[in-house]
Amino acid sequence: MALQFPEIDPIIFTVGPLSVRWYGLMYLIGFAFAMWWANKEADKPNSGWTKDQVSDLLFYGMLGVILGGRIGYVLFYNFSSFLSDPLMLFKVWEGGMSFHGGALGVITAIFIFAWRTNKSPLAVGDFVVPMVPIGLLAGRIGNFINGELWGRQTDVPWAVIFPGVNAGGVPRHPSQLYEAFFEGLVLFLILVWYRKQPRPAGSIAGLFLLGYGVFRFAIEYFREPDAHIGLHAGIISQGQILSLPMIIGGLGLMIWAHRRETVKAA
């Protein structure tokens, strides 16, 4: 027996022309956690970070998430529409954000911040990535509340019938919640555990890329492919293709960081 999608109004409340939406609140929760975490880490003795640097880093990161996420969505998932209407890039009110684009935006922000502050990009990356999974968790819960990005048809006991004509009125995997759990909570706990171990600079960032890529690639088998893209060659989704460089790059970064540390110690 499938579960009926709960009737959740995507708008929490409205004051005049201003509407506060659950999805926007999820973004706010993600940024609030990042601010709390970064300041907590900066307050530790000999952290090498000041409050001003944390503030600047979060600003760069926020721009990277928003600009990268939007540009990535347009280029990775709606490029044909962009060619016919380039102004769609700025129509953010119509929705559409890409995690992979946001990740590229944050990586760019890390390098710019590292260059401006004379810090190692590896150290900055290690500082940043533990903040990301909780934002992913919140964002995927926002997707679930919006009844979007649902999973493939299934007969599992926890299947959900999502609203809307496009969902087809059939039981589907609540893949947004799978992603919230694995890409959010589980990945966060893995990173928190790993950063307490002796490890070389850059390896935490590498583990995040590897972990997210593996989880996302696996969960894509339960997530409904984008209708206008489908499966490439009938076997692999756009999300899986975009996750492969993260898996390869993350694993490569971890191997390189450990080998670099071995050479330095020799």
C-alpha atoms as a PDB file:
ATOM      1  CA  MET A   1       0.000   0.000   0.000  1.00  0.00           C
ATOM      2  CA  ALA A   2       1.621   3.234  -1.149  1.00  0.00           C
ATOM      3  CA  LEU A   3       1.724   6.337   1.012  1.00  0.00           C
ATOM      4  CA  GLN A   4      -0.174   9.384  -0.191  1.00  0.00           C
ATOM      5  CA  PHE A   5       1.997  12.482  -0.435  1.00  0.00           C
ATOM      6  CA  PRO A   6       1.162  14.780   2.507  1.00  0.00           C
ATOM      7  CA  GLU A   7      -0.552  17.995   1.528  1.00  0.00           C
ATOM      8  CA  ILE A   8       2.136  20.527   2.372  1.00  0.00           C
ATOM      9  CA  ASP A   9       1.722  24.086   1.166  1.00  0.00           C
ATOM     10  CA  PRO A  10       5.106  25.106  -0.327  1.00  0.00           C
ATOM     11  CA  ILE A  11       4.448  28.609   1.073  1.00  0.00           C
ATOM     12  CA  ILE A  12       4.894  28.828   4.855  1.00  0.00           C
ATOM     13  CA  PHE A  13       3.301  32.244   5.191  1.00  0.00           C
ATOM     14  CA  THR A  14       2.716  35.421   3.217  1.00  0.00           C
ATOM     15  CA  VAL A  15       3.166  39.009   4.357  1.00  0.00           C
ATOM     16  CA  GLY A  16       1.902  41.435   1.729  1.00  0.00           C
ATOM     17  CA  PRO A  17       3.693  40.674  -1.548  1.00  0.00           C
ATOM     18  CA  LEU A  18       6.345  38.586   0.262  1.00  0.00           C
ATOM     19  CA  SER A  19       5.923  34.814   0.426  1.00  0.00           C
ATOM     20  CA  VAL A  20       8.227  32.676   2.544  1.00  0.00           C
ATOM     21  CA  ARG A  21       8.626  29.217   1.028  1.00  0.00           C
ATOM     22  CA  TRP A  22       9.820  25.985   2.582  1.00  0.00           C
ATOM     23  CA  TYR A  23      12.476  25.568  -0.126  1.00  0.00           C
ATOM     24  CA  GLY A  24      13.907  28.997   0.614  1.00  0.00           C
ATOM     25  CA  LEU A  25      13.894  28.160   4.329  1.00  0.00           C
ATOM     26  CA  MET A  26      15.905  25.018   3.588  1.00  0.00           C
ATOM     27  CA  TYR A  27      18.572  27.099   1.841  1.00  0.00           C
ATOM     28  CA  LEU A  28      18.608  29.420   4.849  1.00  0.00           C
ATOM     29  CA  ILE A  29      19.055  26.468   7.206  1.00  0.00           C
ATOM     30  CA  GLY A  30      21.984  25.237   5.125  1.00  0.00           C
ATOM     31  CA  PHE A  31      23.714  28.618   5.173  1.00  0.00           C
ATOM     32  CA  ALA A  32      22.985  29.089   8.889  1.00  0.00           C
ATOM     33  CA  PHE A  33      24.581  25.735   9.685  1.00  0.00           C
ATOM     34  CA  ALA A  34      27.614  26.607   7.556  1.00  0.00           C
ATOM     35  CA  MET A  35      28.008  29.898   9.428  1.00  0.00           C
ATOM     36  CA  TRP A  36      27.730  28.196  12.813  1.00  0.00           C
ATOM     37  CA  TRP A  37      30.141  25.400  11.894  1.00  0.00           C
ATOM     38  CA  ALA A  38      32.746  27.694  10.328  1.00  0.00           C
ATOM     39  CA  ASN A  39      32.787  30.080  13.289  1.00  0.00           C
ATOM     40  CA  LYS A  40      32.982  27.169  15.733  1.00  0.00           C
ATOM     41  CA  GLU A  41      36.028  25.801  13.917  1.00  0.00           C
ATOM     42  CA  ALA A  42      37.644  29.234  13.636  1.00  0.00           C
ATOM     43  CA  ASP A  43      37.288  29.743  17.403  1.00  0.00           C
ATOM     44  CA  LYS A  44      39.468  26.720  18.150  1.00  0.00           C
ATOM     45  CA  PRO A  45      43.028  27.483  19.349  1.00  0.00           C
ATOM     46  CA  ASN A  46      45.541  27.844  16.510  1.00  0.00           C
ATOM     47  CA  SER A  47      42.837  27.329  13.901  1.00  0.00           C
ATOM     48  CA  GLY A  48      44.542  29.726  11.510  1.00  0.00           C
ATOM     49  CA  TRP A  49      41.203  31.372  10.759  1.00  0.00           C
ATOM     50  CA  THR A  50      39.763  34.734  11.757  1.00  0.00           C
ATOM     51  CA  LYS A  51      36.108  35.721  11.941  1.00  0.00           C
ATOM     52  CA  ASP A  52      36.605  38.137   9.025  1.00  0.00           C
ATOM     53  CA  GLN A  53      38.065  35.356   6.887  1.00  0.00           C
ATOM     54  CA  VAL A  54      35.141  33.101   7.741  1.00  0.00           C
ATOM     55  CA  SER A  55      32.697  35.840   6.793  1.00  0.00           C
ATOM     56  CA  ASP A  56      34.451  36.411   3.458  1.00  0.00           C
ATOM     57  CA  LEU A  57      34.651  32.684   2.733  1.00  0.00           C
ATOM     58  CA  LEU A  58      30.945  32.173   3.383  1.00  0.00           C
ATOM     59  CA  PHE A  59      30.115  35.103   1.103  1.00  0.00           C
ATOM     60  CA  TYR A  60      32.227  33.649  -1.712  1.00  0.00           C
ATOM     61  CA  GLY A  61      30.735  30.223  -1.101  1.00  0.00           C
ATOM     62  CA  MET A  62      27.179  31.549  -1.178  1.00  0.00           C
ATOM     63  CA  LEU A  63      27.825  33.265  -4.512  1.00  0.00           C
ATOM     64  CA  GLY A  64      29.409  30.068  -5.813  1.00  0.00           C
ATOM     65  CA  VAL A  65      26.380  27.977  -4.815  1.00  0.00           C
ATOM     66  CA  ILE A  66      23.816  30.343  -6.305  1.00  0.00           C
ATOM     67  CA  LEU A  67      25.624  31.356  -9.501  1.00  0.00           C
ATOM     68  CA  GLY A  68      27.175  27.947 -10.122  1.00  0.00           C
ATOM     69  CA  GLY A  69      23.947  26.135  -9.322  1.00  0.00           C
ATOM     70  CA  ARG A  70      21.918  28.217 -11.732  1.00  0.00           C
ATOM     71  CA  ILE A  71      24.480  28.268 -14.547  1.00  0.00           C
ATOM     72  CA  GLY A  72      25.053  24.540 -14.119  1.00  0.00           C
ATOM     73  CA  TYR A  73      21.340  23.783 -14.334  1.00  0.00           C
ATOM     74  CA  VAL A  74      20.992  25.779 -17.537  1.00  0.00           C
ATOM     75  CA  LEU A  75      24.100  24.296 -19.194  1.00  0.00           C
ATOM     76  CA  PHE A  76      23.784  20.695 -17.945  1.00  0.00           C
ATOM     77  CA  TYR A  77      20.015  20.207 -18.069  1.00  0.00           C
ATOM     78  CA  ASN A  78      18.463  22.906 -20.277  1.00  0.00           C
ATOM     79  CA  PHE A  79      21.105  23.970 -22.776  1.00  0.00           C
ATOM     80  CA  SER A  80      18.777  23.761 -25.777  1.00  0.00           C
ATOM     81  CA  SER A  81      16.286  26.079 -24.059  1.00  0.00           C
ATOM     82  CA  PHE A  82      19.144  28.432 -23.213  1.00  0.00           C
ATOM     83  CA  LEU A  83      20.196  28.605 -26.866  1.00  0.00           C
ATOM     84  CA  SER A  84      16.679  29.601 -27.882  1.00  0.00           C
ATOM     85  CA  ASP A  85      16.220  31.976 -24.947  1.00  0.00           C
ATOM     86  CA  PRO A  86      19.519  33.092 -23.314  1.00  0.00           C
ATOM     87  CA  LEU A  87      17.595  35.268 -20.851  1.00  0.00           C
ATOM     88  CA  MET A  88      16.282  32.122 -19.152  1.00  0.00           C
ATOM     89  CA  LEU A  89      19.609  32.073 -17.297  1.00  0.00           C
ATOM     90  CA  PHE A  90      18.309  34.975 -15.203  1.00  0.00           C
ATOM     91  CA  LYS A  91      14.761  33.644 -14.696  1.00  0.00           C
ATOM     92  CA  VAL A  92      15.574  32.116 -11.324  1.00  0.00           C
ATOM     93  CA  TRP A  93      11.931  32.459 -10.222  1.00  0.00           C
ATOM     94  CA  GLU A  94      11.075  29.678 -12.659  1.00  0.00           C
ATOM     95  CA  GLY A  95      13.253  27.296 -10.623  1.00  0.00           C
ATOM     96  CA  GLY A  96      16.177  25.117 -11.569  1.00  0.00           C
ATOM     97  CA  MET A  97      19.443  24.585  -9.662  1.00  0.00           C
ATOM     98  CA  SER A  98      22.143  21.980 -10.217  1.00  0.00           C
ATOM     99  CA  PHE A  99      24.254  20.569  -7.389  1.00  0.00           C
ATOM    100  CA  HIS A 100      27.109  19.766  -9.762  1.00  0.00           C
ATOM    101  CA  GLY A 101      27.051  23.357 -11.032  1.00  0.00           C
ATOM    102  CA  GLY A 102      26.953  24.622  -7.453  1.00  0.00           C
ATOM    103  CA  ALA A 103      29.934  22.394  -6.614  1.00  0.00           C
ATOM    104  CA  LEU A 104      31.937  23.907  -9.482  1.00  0.00           C
ATOM    105  CA  GLY A 105      30.937  27.357  -8.246  1.00  0.00           C
ATOM    106  CA  VAL A 106      32.140  26.575  -4.713  1.00  0.00           C
ATOM    107  CA  ILE A 107      35.420  25.102  -6.016  1.00  0.00           C
ATOM    108  CA  THR A 108      35.978  28.319  -7.977  1.00  0.00           C
ATOM    109  CA  ALA A 109      35.186  30.348  -4.851  1.00  0.00           C
ATOM    110  CA  ILE A 110      37.673  28.281  -2.826  1.00  0.00           C
ATOM    111  CA  PHE A 111      40.488  28.999  -5.281  1.00  0.00           C
ATOM    112  CA  ILE A 112      39.674  32.709  -5.439  1.00  0.00           C
ATOM    113  CA  PHE A 113      39.512  32.972  -1.634  1.00  0.00           C
ATOM    114  CA  ALA A 114      42.748  30.975  -1.223  1.00  0.00           C
ATOM    115  CA  TRP A 115      44.518  33.224  -3.708  1.00  0.00           C
ATOM    116  CA  ARG A 116      43.293  36.422  -2.011  1.00  0.00           C
ATOM    117  CA  THR A 117      44.259  35.228   1.494  1.00  0.00           C
ATOM    118  CA  ASN A 118      47.463  33.329   0.642  1.00  0.00           C
ATOM    119  CA  LYS A 119      45.988  30.120   2.005  1.00  0.00           C
ATOM    120  CA  SER A 120      46.367  26.653   0.537  1.00  0.00           C
ATOM    121  CA  PRO A 121      43.364  25.692  -1.618  1.00  0.00           C
ATOM    122  CA  LEU A 122      43.642  22.206  -0.109  1.00  0.00           C
ATOM    123  CA  ALA A 123      43.339  23.575   3.432  1.00  0.00           C
ATOM    124  CA  VAL A 124      40.425  25.801   2.454  1.00  0.00           C
ATOM    125  CA  GLY A 125      38.689  22.881   0.747  1.00  0.00           C
ATOM    126  CA  ASP A 126      39.105  20.708   3.842  1.00  0.00           C
ATOM    127  CA  PHE A 127      37.667  23.535   5.951  1.00  0.00           C
ATOM    128  CA  VAL A 128      34.647  24.001   3.684  1.00  0.00           C
ATOM    129  CA  VAL A 129      33.393  20.522   2.768  1.00  0.00           C
ATOM    130  CA  PRO A 130      32.077  19.394   6.198  1.00  0.00           C
ATOM    131  CA  MET A 131      29.585  22.280   5.998  1.00  0.00           C
ATOM    132  CA  VAL A 132      28.078  21.093   2.725  1.00  0.00           C
ATOM    133  CA  PRO A 133      26.198  17.843   3.537  1.00  0.00           C
ATOM    134  CA  ILE A 134      23.781  19.430   6.021  1.00  0.00           C
ATOM    135  CA  GLY A 135      22.853  21.972   3.358  1.00  0.00           C
ATOM    136  CA  LEU A 136      22.264  19.075   0.968  1.00  0.00           C
ATOM    137  CA  LEU A 137      20.089  17.352   3.560  1.00  0.00           C
ATOM    138  CA  ALA A 138      17.978  20.472   3.994  1.00  0.00           C
ATOM    139  CA  GLY A 139      17.749  21.067   0.242  1.00  0.00           C
ATOM    140  CA  ARG A 140      16.543  17.545  -0.498  1.00  0.00           C
ATOM    141  CA  ILE A 141      13.896  17.833   2.193  1.00  0.00           C
ATOM    142  CA  GLY A 142      12.841  21.031   0.420  1.00  0.00           C
ATOM    143  CA  ASN A 143      12.574  19.056  -2.837  1.00  0.00           C
ATOM    144  CA  PHE A 144      10.355  16.513  -1.074  1.00  0.00           C
ATOM    145  CA  ILE A 145       8.099  19.204   0.394  1.00  0.00           C
ATOM    146  CA  ASN A 146       7.778  20.719  -3.088  1.00  0.00           C
ATOM    147  CA  GLY A 147       6.831  17.309  -4.494  1.00  0.00           C
ATOM    148  CA  GLU A 148       9.599  17.519  -7.116  1.00  0.00           C
ATOM    149  CA  LEU A 149      12.527  15.380  -8.288  1.00  0.00           C
ATOM    150  CA  TRP A 150      10.663  12.235  -7.254  1.00  0.00           C
ATOM    151  CA  GLY A 151      11.846   8.700  -7.843  1.00  0.00           C
ATOM    152  CA  ARG A 152      11.023   5.927 -10.255  1.00  0.00           C
ATOM    153  CA  GLN A 153       7.910   3.812 -10.066  1.00  0.00           C
ATOM    154  CA  THR A 154       8.109   1.064  -7.440  1.00  0.00           C
ATOM    155  CA  ASP A 155       6.077  -1.263  -5.232  1.00  0.00           C
ATOM    156  CA  VAL A 156       8.163  -0.927  -2.035  1.00  0.00           C
ATOM    157  CA  PRO A 157       6.029  -0.455   1.114  1.00  0.00           C
ATOM    158  CA  TRP A 158       7.287   3.097   1.639  1.00  0.00           C
ATOM    159  CA  ALA A 159       6.515   4.245  -1.916  1.00  0.00           C
ATOM    160  CA  VAL A 160       4.830   7.643  -2.196  1.00  0.00           C
ATOM    161  CA  ILE A 161       2.191   8.828  -4.653  1.00  0.00           C
ATOM    162  CA  PHE A 162       3.300  12.341  -5.553  1.00  0.00           C
ATOM    163  CA  PRO A 163       0.879  15.024  -6.769  1.00  0.00           C
ATOM    164  CA  GLY A 164       0.791  16.425 -10.272  1.00  0.00           C
ATOM    165  CA  VAL A 165       0.073  15.049 -13.715  1.00  0.00           C
ATOM    166  CA  ASN A 166       3.744  14.443 -14.477  1.00  0.00           C
ATOM    167  CA  ALA A 167       4.102  12.106 -11.499  1.00  0.00           C
ATOM    168  CA  GLY A 168       1.424   9.907 -13.069  1.00  0.00           C
ATOM    169  CA  GLY A 169      -0.426   9.096  -9.858  1.00  0.00           C
ATOM    170  CA  VAL A 170       1.705   5.954  -9.372  1.00  0.00           C
ATOM    171  CA  PRO A 171       3.759   4.854  -6.349  1.00  0.00           C
ATOM    172  CA  ARG A 172       7.335   6.136  -6.566  1.00  0.00           C
ATOM    173  CA  HIS A 173      10.552   6.005  -4.601  1.00  0.00           C
ATOM    174  CA  PRO A 174      10.878   9.053  -2.316  1.00  0.00           C
ATOM    175  CA  SER A 175      14.380   9.482  -3.747  1.00  0.00           C
ATOM    176  CA  GLN A 176      14.662  13.004  -2.331  1.00  0.00           C
ATOM    177  CA  LEU A 177      14.692  11.445   1.150  1.00  0.00           C
ATOM    178  CA  TYR A 178      17.235   8.817   0.077  1.00  0.00           C
ATOM    179  CA  GLU A 179      19.508  11.658  -1.036  1.00  0.00           C
ATOM    180  CA  ALA A 180      18.863  13.646   2.136  1.00  0.00           C
ATOM    181  CA  PHE A 181      19.899  10.642   4.235  1.00  0.00           C
ATOM    182  CA  PHE A 182      22.958   9.428   2.316  1.00  0.00           C
ATOM    183  CA  GLU A 183      24.308  12.596   0.645  1.00  0.00           C
ATOM    184  CA  GLY A 184      23.409  14.622   3.716  1.00  0.00           C
ATOM    185  CA  LEU A 185      23.463  12.874   7.087  1.00  0.00           C
ATOM    186  CA  VAL A 186      25.619   9.820   6.304  1.00  0.00           C
ATOM    187  CA  LEU A 187      28.205  11.797   4.313  1.00  0.00           C
ATOM    188  CA  PHE A 188      28.398  14.406   7.089  1.00  0.00           C
ATOM    189  CA  LEU A 189      29.055  11.729   9.734  1.00  0.00           C
ATOM    190  CA  ILE A 190      31.739  10.124   7.534  1.00  0.00           C
ATOM    191  CA  LEU A 191      33.515  13.469   7.079  1.00  0.00           C
ATOM    192  CA  VAL A 192      33.294  14.311  10.797  1.00  0.00           C
ATOM    193  CA  TRP A 193      34.819  10.929  11.650  1.00  0.00           C
ATOM    194  CA  TYR A 194      37.553  11.144   8.999  1.00  0.00           C
ATOM    195  CA  ARG A 195      38.690  14.658   9.888  1.00  0.00           C
ATOM    196  CA  LYS A 196      39.492  13.417  13.416  1.00  0.00           C
ATOM    197  CA  GLN A 197      41.975  10.899  11.981  1.00  0.00           C
ATOM    198  CA  PRO A 198      45.583  11.665  10.993  1.00  0.00           C
ATOM    199  CA  ARG A 199      45.288  12.635   7.333  1.00  0.00           C
ATOM    200  CA  PRO A 200      47.028  14.850   4.767  1.00  0.00           C
ATOM    201  CA  ALA A 201      45.735  18.198   3.507  1.00  0.00           C
ATOM    202  CA  GLY A 202      43.207  17.830   0.720  1.00  0.00           C
ATOM    203  CA  SER A 203      42.058  14.359   1.687  1.00  0.00           C
ATOM    204  CA  ILE A 204      38.853  15.566   3.378  1.00  0.00           C
ATOM    205  CA  ALA A 205      37.879  17.456   0.228  1.00  0.00           C
ATOM    206  CA  GLY A 206      38.727  14.368  -1.806  1.00  0.00           C
ATOM    207  CA  LEU A 207      36.609  12.153   0.433  1.00  0.00           C
ATOM    208  CA  PHE A 208      33.654  14.516   0.058  1.00  0.00           C
ATOM    209  CA  LEU A 209      33.877  14.444  -3.740  1.00  0.00           C
ATOM    210  CA  LEU A 210      34.230  10.666  -3.730  1.00  0.00           C
ATOM    211  CA  GLY A 211      31.471  10.100  -1.183  1.00  0.00           C
ATOM    212  CA  TYR A 212      28.957  12.406  -2.803  1.00  0.00           C
ATOM    213  CA  GLY A 213      29.708  11.042  -6.258  1.00  0.00           C
ATOM    214  CA  VAL A 214      29.225   7.412  -5.153  1.00  0.00           C
ATOM    215  CA  PHE A 215      26.010   8.110  -3.229  1.00  0.00           C
ATOM    216  CA  ARG A 216      24.530  10.239  -6.018  1.00  0.00           C
ATOM    217  CA  PHE A 217      25.482   7.720  -8.715  1.00  0.00           C
ATOM    218  CA  ALA A 218      23.809   4.899  -6.774  1.00  0.00           C
ATOM    219  CA  ILE A 219      20.641   6.828  -5.863  1.00  0.00           C
ATOM    220  CA  GLU A 220      20.163   7.898  -9.485  1.00  0.00           C
ATOM    221  CA  TYR A 221      18.982   4.309 -10.103  1.00  0.00           C
ATOM    222  CA  PHE A 222      15.971   5.126  -7.910  1.00  0.00           C
ATOM    223  CA  ARG A 223      15.399   8.679  -9.177  1.00  0.00           C
ATOM    224  CA  GLU A 224      13.217   9.408 -12.198  1.00  0.00           C
ATOM    225  CA  PRO A 225      15.413  10.737 -15.049  1.00  0.00           C
ATOM    226  CA  ASP A 226      14.644  14.218 -16.336  1.00  0.00           C
ATOM    227  CA  ALA A 227      11.800  13.833 -18.828  1.00  0.00           C
ATOM    228  CA  HIS A 228      13.432  15.988 -21.513  1.00  0.00           C
ATOM    229  CA  ILE A 229      16.765  14.127 -21.217  1.00  0.00           C
ATOM    230  CA  GLY A 230      15.945  10.566 -20.222  1.00  0.00           C
ATOM    231  CA  LEU A 231      18.731   8.007 -20.014  1.00  0.00           C
ATOM    232  CA  HIS A 232      21.803   8.287 -22.228  1.00  0.00           C
ATOM    233  CA  ALA A 233      22.101   5.124 -24.326  1.00  0.00           C
ATOM    234  CA  GLY A 234      19.180   3.858 -22.257  1.00  0.00           C
ATOM    235  CA  ILE A 235      21.428   3.025 -19.283  1.00  0.00           C
ATOM    236  CA  ILE A 236      22.935   6.091 -17.606  1.00  0.00           C
ATOM    237  CA  SER A 237      21.370   9.335 -16.377  1.00  0.00           C
ATOM    238  CA  GLN A 238      22.687  12.870 -16.686  1.00  0.00           C
ATOM    239  CA  GLY A 239      23.233  12.951 -12.926  1.00  0.00           C
ATOM    240  CA  GLN A 240      25.370   9.812 -13.090  1.00  0.00           C
ATOM    241  CA  ILE A 241      27.471  11.222 -15.926  1.00  0.00           C
ATOM    242  CA  LEU A 242      28.078  14.387 -13.903  1.00  0.00           C
ATOM    243  CA  SER A 243      28.932  12.334 -10.807  1.00  0.00           C
ATOM    244  CA  LEU A 244      31.629  10.250 -12.498  1.00  0.00           C
ATOM    245  CA  PRO A 245      34.193  13.114 -12.589  1.00  0.00           C
ATOM    246  CA  MET A 246      33.533  13.679  -8.867  1.00  0.00           C
ATOM    247  CA  ILE A 247      34.240  10.014  -8.093  1.00  0.00           C
ATOM    248  CA  ILE A 248      37.400   9.944 -10.203  1.00  0.00           C
ATOM    249  CA  GLY A 249      38.573  13.371  -9.033  1.00  0.00           C
ATOM    250  CA  GLY A 250      37.857  12.674  -5.369  1.00  0.00           C
ATOM    251  CA  LEU A 251      39.645   9.327  -5.402  1.00  0.00           C
ATOM    252  CA  GLY A 252      42.552  10.847  -7.313  1.00  0.00           C
ATOM    253  CA  LEU A 253      42.827  13.751  -4.869  1.00  0.00           C
ATOM    254  CA  MET A 254      42.904  11.392  -1.880  1.00  0.00           C
ATOM    255  CA  ILE A 255      45.595   9.190  -3.442  1.00  0.00           C
ATOM    256  CA  TRP A 256      47.663  12.216  -4.460  1.00  0.00           C
ATOM    257  CA  ALA A 257      47.358  13.802  -1.008  1.00  0.00           C
ATOM    258  CA  HIS A 258      48.494  10.649   0.781  1.00  0.00           C
ATOM    259  CA  ARG A 259      51.381  10.076  -1.626  1.00  0.00           C
ATOM    260  CA  ARG A 260      52.424  13.719  -1.262  1.00  0.00           C
ATOM    261  CA  GLU A 261      52.437  13.345   2.521  1.00  0.00           C
ATOM    262  CA  THR A 262      54.538  10.167   2.254  1.00  0.00           C
ATOM    263  CA  VAL A 263      57.098  11.900   0.064  1.00  0.00           C
ATOM    264  CA  LYS A 264      57.321  14.862   2.465  1.00  0.00           C
ATOM    265  CA  ALA A 265      57.834  12.518   5.421  1.00  0.00           C
ATOM    266  CA  ALA A 266      60.574  10.550   3.654  1.00  0.00           C
END
